[in-house]
Every structure is written in C-alpha cells, then in structure tokens.
C-alpha cells in the first residue's frame, strides 16, 4: 500500500490541497483499485478526471462518483475517513446498473440509484464493518459476480485510447461508424472516445512526468502525443485546475 502525507495529490483521482494520508492497492475486482484516505484539515479536495467511476463511503454515506471531465470539488473534514472502490474505465456502469452518462460530473447517494431497501442494506453493511474499505471491496466483488460479462469492446477501446489511437481508427477497428462508436462509449464512460482519450493521455503524461525526479516536460509531451509542452500544459491545467509543475509535484 502506498501512503502520501502532506501532499496535494492523494491519489490518481484526488487533487487535494489538504495533506492527509492516502493509500491504495489493487482490488479483487478485475482492474479495480481499493483506496482509503484521511484528510488532515478541513477544506476542498479536487477530484481529477481519470476515466473511472467509484463506489465509495464518503461523509458517512454510500455514494457513486460519476465520471468527470473537469476537477470536482469535494468538501473534506479533518480526520474524516473515506474509502472507495475505483473501477477500471468503462466497467462500473454494468456492475452498478446505471449508465455512466447519467452520473457525469455528479456524486450520487446509492439510494437514489437502487431500490431503497437494497441500498439501505448495502449502506448498513459498510457502516457496521470495522474496515470500510474491505467491506466495499467485498460488496463490489459480489456485484461484479452478478453482473453481465464485461463488453470486450469497452476494454479494447480503453487500451486504444491509452495508446493515442485517433477516433477514426478506433471506429474502423471496431467495424463501426464514429457515430455508432460514440453511442457505445457514452453509457460505459459517460462521454465519447475523444474525451476518453484526452483524459487517459493526460493521466499517462502525469504518471510519466512523476516517474522522474526531474521530469523533462518537453520530452513527456512528445512521448505522450502532445504537439508541444505548451499543449501539454494547457491540457493539464484544464483537467486538474493546476499548472503542469504543481500537478506533477503536488507536495511543493
């Protein structure tokens, strides 16, 4: 498990100017990540778009975090413990039974999405557990086991988007028109393949820049398919609300 103290980024989906502790590990749900966080002070955490949706225990309630296209502010209280299961891109909608586009840019109580009795039982199960994260993971494993098998097209599109394939090439590979591809993507991701590729490329660029103690931003931009460093900087600011340097080195 990885812990970060006193930084601004609490994890891939968390841009917080709050300090605190963030931990994550691979979940037992394929492609998923289990995370927990504790805020050090009161304030807003800014959730950065990552192509994913989360089932989470936040502010004493079971919620679903929909996909984002801009930083999402979440009010944090000092000492508050949060936990979540971050699904692989495109996977959550089938497991949770709600199209991703209906939750775009939203955080929704589970009781608003599921039958009231079922949502209440799930929330009580998490609330009563000694470890919220472990209980969330067990719930997600059960839900995934009851869901329809994942659409192989969705996983393939994530791989292609991460590789920087143009939308036209994705559509040609899938044997679909670009309009048909859009209709397949929106329920799974919340948006179309172009936005998905944009978000995943930014995540890849940030990961690459963070992997070096002294990142060369021009080289990162070239490696990840941006026109130049200025293009990379604009995209990072648009998606994270921070400068490129601050996004890469949040502890400073």
Protein backbone atom coordinates (compact mmCIF):
# COMPACT_ATOMS: atom_id res chain seq x y z
CA UNK A 1 0.00 0.00 0.00
CA UNK A 2 1.23 3.49 -0.80
CA UNK A 3 0.86 6.36 1.63
CA UNK A 4 1.25 10.06 0.92
CA UNK A 5 1.46 12.66 3.66
CA UNK A 6 1.31 16.41 3.43
CA UNK A 7 0.94 16.48 -0.35
CA UNK A 8 -1.72 17.85 -2.65
CA UNK A 9 -2.42 14.70 -4.62
CA UNK A 10 -3.93 11.94 -2.52
CA UNK A 11 -4.04 9.55 -5.45
CA UNK A 12 -4.78 9.32 -9.19
CA UNK A 13 -8.26 10.73 -8.72
CA UNK A 14 -7.51 13.12 -5.86
CA UNK A 15 -6.01 16.56 -6.17
CA UNK A 16 -6.27 17.96 -2.65
CA UNK A 17 -4.59 20.91 -1.05
CA UNK A 18 -5.24 19.31 2.32
CA UNK A 19 -2.40 17.00 3.24
CA UNK A 20 -3.59 13.84 4.95
CA UNK A 21 -3.00 10.20 4.16
CA UNK A 22 -3.98 8.28 1.06
CA UNK A 23 -3.47 4.55 0.49
CA UNK A 24 -4.42 2.29 -2.38
CA UNK A 25 -3.93 -1.26 -3.58
CA UNK A 26 -5.23 -3.44 -6.43
CA UNK A 27 -8.74 -4.66 -5.68
CA UNK A 28 -10.18 -8.13 -6.13
CA UNK A 29 -12.44 -6.68 -8.82
CA UNK A 30 -10.60 -7.00 -12.17
CA UNK A 31 -8.83 -3.75 -12.97
CA UNK A 32 -10.15 -2.07 -9.83
CA UNK A 33 -8.31 -0.17 -7.12
CA UNK A 34 -9.24 -0.03 -3.44
CA UNK A 35 -8.37 3.27 -1.77
CA UNK A 36 -8.72 4.91 1.63
CA UNK A 37 -7.99 8.48 2.67
CA UNK A 38 -7.91 10.58 5.81
CA UNK A 39 -7.99 14.38 5.50
CA UNK A 40 -5.63 16.33 7.75
CA UNK A 41 -7.62 19.58 7.78
CA UNK A 42 -10.99 20.96 6.70
CA UNK A 43 -11.12 22.07 3.08
CA UNK A 44 -11.92 21.13 -0.50
CA UNK A 45 -10.36 18.20 -2.32
CA UNK A 46 -10.31 18.50 -6.09
CA UNK A 47 -11.03 15.21 -7.84
CA UNK A 48 -9.17 14.98 -11.13
CA UNK A 49 -10.74 13.25 -14.16
CA UNK A 50 -9.31 9.75 -14.57
CA UNK A 51 -11.79 7.91 -16.82
CA UNK A 52 -13.20 5.95 -13.88
CA UNK A 53 -16.22 5.71 -11.58
CA UNK A 54 -16.08 4.88 -7.86
CA UNK A 55 -18.31 3.20 -5.33
CA UNK A 56 -17.33 4.97 -2.13
CA UNK A 57 -18.04 5.50 1.55
CA UNK A 58 -17.84 9.27 1.92
CA UNK A 59 -19.17 11.58 4.62
CA UNK A 60 -20.89 8.65 6.31
CA UNK A 61 -22.85 7.56 3.24
CA UNK A 62 -22.54 5.10 0.39
CA UNK A 63 -22.18 7.06 -2.86
CA UNK A 64 -21.32 6.62 -6.50
CA UNK A 65 -18.83 9.03 -8.03
CA UNK A 66 -19.62 9.51 -11.69
CA UNK A 67 -17.09 10.26 -14.41
CA UNK A 68 -15.58 13.74 -14.54
CA UNK A 69 -14.33 15.98 -17.31
CA UNK A 70 -13.20 18.86 -15.05
CA UNK A 71 -11.90 18.93 -11.45
CA UNK A 72 -14.65 18.11 -8.98
CA UNK A 73 -14.59 19.83 -5.55
CA UNK A 74 -15.39 17.66 -2.55
CA UNK A 75 -15.68 19.10 0.95
CA UNK A 76 -13.42 17.23 3.39
CA UNK A 77 -13.46 17.36 7.19
CA UNK A 78 -10.33 16.98 9.30
CA UNK A 79 -9.96 13.39 10.43
CA UNK A 80 -12.75 12.10 8.19
CA UNK A 81 -12.03 8.64 6.80
CA UNK A 82 -13.18 7.87 3.26
CA UNK A 83 -12.87 4.67 1.25
CA UNK A 84 -13.70 3.66 -2.28
CA UNK A 85 -13.53 1.05 -4.98
CA UNK A 86 -12.35 2.69 -8.20
CA UNK A 87 -13.48 0.56 -11.13
CA UNK A 88 -11.50 0.21 -14.33
CA UNK A 89 -12.55 2.69 -17.02
CA UNK A 90 -15.86 1.62 -18.53
CA UNK A 91 -16.52 -1.16 -16.01
CA UNK A 92 -18.64 0.46 -13.31
CA UNK A 93 -21.85 1.06 -15.24
CA UNK A 94 -22.51 -2.65 -15.79
CA UNK A 95 -21.61 -3.57 -12.19
CA UNK A 96 -23.67 -0.80 -10.56
CA UNK A 97 -26.54 -0.95 -13.02
CA UNK A 98 -26.54 2.69 -14.08
CA UNK A 99 -25.36 4.26 -17.37
CA UNK A 100 -22.25 6.36 -16.80
CA UNK A 101 -23.58 9.40 -18.66
CA UNK A 102 -26.43 9.75 -16.15
CA UNK A 103 -23.80 10.42 -13.46
CA UNK A 104 -21.46 12.65 -15.45
CA UNK A 105 -19.89 15.20 -13.10
CA UNK A 106 -22.04 14.04 -10.16
CA UNK A 107 -21.76 12.33 -6.77
CA UNK A 108 -24.99 10.47 -6.09
CA UNK A 109 -26.19 8.58 -3.00
CA UNK A 110 -26.64 4.91 -3.82
CA UNK A 111 -30.21 5.12 -2.52
CA UNK A 112 -31.03 7.39 -5.46
CA UNK A 113 -29.92 4.70 -7.91
CA UNK A 114 -31.01 1.43 -6.35
CA UNK A 115 -34.23 0.23 -4.72
CA UNK A 116 -34.38 1.80 -1.26
CA UNK A 117 -34.23 -1.43 0.74
CA UNK A 118 -31.28 -2.79 -1.23
CA UNK A 119 -29.33 0.46 -0.93
CA UNK A 120 -30.06 0.66 2.80
CA UNK A 121 -28.80 -2.88 3.39
CA UNK A 122 -25.60 -2.12 1.48
CA UNK A 123 -25.01 1.10 3.43
CA UNK A 124 -25.60 -0.61 6.77
CA UNK A 125 -23.19 -3.34 5.78
CA UNK A 126 -20.43 -0.80 5.14
CA UNK A 127 -21.23 1.33 8.18
CA UNK A 128 -21.11 -1.66 10.55
CA UNK A 129 -17.86 -3.06 9.15
CA UNK A 130 -14.64 -2.50 11.13
CA UNK A 131 -12.86 -1.63 7.88
CA UNK A 132 -14.99 0.28 5.36
CA UNK A 133 -12.59 -0.35 2.50
CA UNK A 134 -12.59 -4.13 2.93
CA UNK A 135 -16.38 -4.17 3.16
CA UNK A 136 -16.67 -2.06 -0.01
CA UNK A 137 -14.37 -4.44 -1.82
CA UNK A 138 -16.40 -7.47 -0.77
CA UNK A 139 -19.61 -5.76 -1.92
CA UNK A 140 -18.07 -4.85 -5.27
CA UNK A 141 -16.86 -8.43 -5.79
CA UNK A 142 -20.40 -9.70 -5.21
CA UNK A 143 -21.91 -7.13 -7.56
CA UNK A 144 -19.36 -7.88 -10.28
CA UNK A 145 -20.11 -11.59 -9.94
CA UNK A 146 -23.81 -10.96 -10.62
CA UNK A 147 -23.29 -8.51 -13.48
CA UNK A 148 -23.28 -9.34 -17.16
CA UNK A 149 -19.84 -10.25 -18.53
CA UNK A 150 -17.85 -7.14 -19.47
CA UNK A 151 -18.12 -5.96 -23.05
CA UNK A 152 -14.75 -6.83 -24.65
CA UNK A 153 -15.10 -3.83 -26.96
CA UNK A 154 -15.01 -1.45 -23.99
CA UNK A 155 -11.74 -2.86 -22.66
CA UNK A 156 -10.20 -2.76 -26.12
CA UNK A 157 -11.22 0.88 -26.56
CA UNK A 158 -9.53 1.80 -23.27
CA UNK A 159 -6.32 0.18 -24.49
CA UNK A 160 -6.53 2.01 -27.80
CA UNK A 161 -7.34 5.35 -26.16
CA UNK A 162 -4.34 4.99 -23.86
CA UNK A 163 -2.19 4.28 -26.89
CA UNK A 164 -3.39 7.50 -28.51
CA UNK A 165 -5.30 6.00 -31.44
CA UNK A 166 -7.46 8.54 -33.29
CA UNK A 167 -11.21 8.05 -33.02
CA UNK A 168 -11.50 7.20 -36.71
CA UNK A 169 -9.04 4.35 -36.28
CA UNK A 170 -10.88 3.07 -33.21
CA UNK A 171 -14.14 3.04 -35.15
CA UNK A 172 -12.55 1.30 -38.12
CA UNK A 173 -11.04 -1.36 -35.84
CA UNK A 174 -14.43 -1.97 -34.20
CA UNK A 175 -16.25 -2.11 -37.53
CA UNK A 176 -18.48 0.79 -36.51
CA UNK A 177 -19.15 4.28 -37.73
CA UNK A 178 -17.89 7.06 -35.48
CA UNK A 179 -21.49 7.81 -34.51
CA UNK A 180 -22.08 4.17 -33.57
CA UNK A 181 -18.84 4.14 -31.58
CA UNK A 182 -19.99 7.23 -29.68
CA UNK A 183 -23.27 5.50 -28.78
CA UNK A 184 -21.35 2.51 -27.42
CA UNK A 185 -18.97 4.67 -25.38
CA UNK A 186 -21.34 7.13 -23.70
CA UNK A 187 -23.19 4.62 -21.44
CA UNK A 188 -19.89 2.99 -20.41
CA UNK A 189 -17.65 6.02 -19.91
CA UNK A 190 -20.06 8.95 -19.66
CA UNK A 191 -18.64 10.58 -22.78
CA UNK A 192 -17.26 9.74 -26.19
CA UNK A 193 -13.97 8.19 -27.24
CA UNK A 194 -12.31 11.54 -27.94
CA UNK A 195 -12.84 12.74 -24.37
CA UNK A 196 -11.78 9.35 -23.01
CA UNK A 197 -8.53 9.51 -24.98
CA UNK A 198 -7.90 13.06 -23.81
CA UNK A 199 -8.31 12.14 -20.14
CA UNK A 200 -6.27 8.94 -20.32
CA UNK A 201 -3.49 10.70 -22.22
CA UNK A 202 -3.27 13.36 -19.51
CA UNK A 203 -3.12 10.67 -16.84
CA UNK A 204 -0.37 8.91 -18.76
CA UNK A 205 1.60 12.15 -19.13
CA UNK A 206 1.34 12.90 -15.41
CA UNK A 207 2.43 9.39 -14.49
CA UNK A 208 5.40 9.62 -16.84
CA UNK A 209 6.42 13.04 -15.51
CA UNK A 210 6.14 11.85 -11.90
CA UNK A 211 8.27 8.80 -12.59
CA UNK A 212 11.35 11.02 -12.90
CA UNK A 213 12.80 13.19 -10.15
CA UNK A 214 13.48 15.90 -12.72
CA UNK A 215 10.92 15.44 -15.48
CA UNK A 216 11.59 16.95 -18.87
CA UNK A 217 8.17 18.27 -19.81
CA UNK A 218 9.01 18.70 -23.50
CA UNK A 219 10.04 15.07 -23.68
CA UNK A 220 6.90 13.99 -21.80
CA UNK A 221 4.77 15.97 -24.24
CA UNK A 222 6.44 14.36 -27.25
CA UNK A 223 6.23 10.87 -25.80
CA UNK A 224 2.54 11.12 -25.00
CA UNK A 225 1.46 12.69 -28.27
CA UNK A 226 1.03 16.37 -27.45
CA UNK A 227 2.00 18.96 -30.04
CA UNK A 228 4.47 20.58 -27.64
CA UNK A 229 4.99 21.40 -23.97
CA UNK A 230 2.55 24.33 -24.15
CA UNK A 231 -0.17 22.00 -25.41
CA UNK A 232 0.53 19.60 -22.54
CA UNK A 233 0.45 22.44 -20.02
CA UNK A 234 -2.92 23.70 -21.28
CA UNK A 235 -4.47 20.25 -21.10
CA UNK A 236 -3.19 19.57 -17.59
CA UNK A 237 -4.49 22.90 -16.33
CA UNK A 238 -7.89 22.27 -17.95
CA UNK A 239 -8.22 18.79 -16.42
CA UNK A 240 -6.64 19.33 -13.00
CA UNK A 241 -7.07 23.05 -12.35
CA UNK A 242 -3.33 23.32 -11.65
CA UNK A 243 -0.19 24.20 -13.54
CA UNK A 244 1.82 21.35 -15.01
CA UNK A 245 4.56 21.73 -12.43
CA UNK A 246 2.13 21.79 -9.49
CA UNK A 247 0.25 18.78 -10.83
CA UNK A 248 3.43 16.76 -11.19
CA UNK A 249 4.98 17.85 -7.88
CA UNK A 250 1.95 18.37 -5.59
CA UNK A 251 3.99 18.21 -2.41
CA UNK A 252 5.63 21.55 -3.16
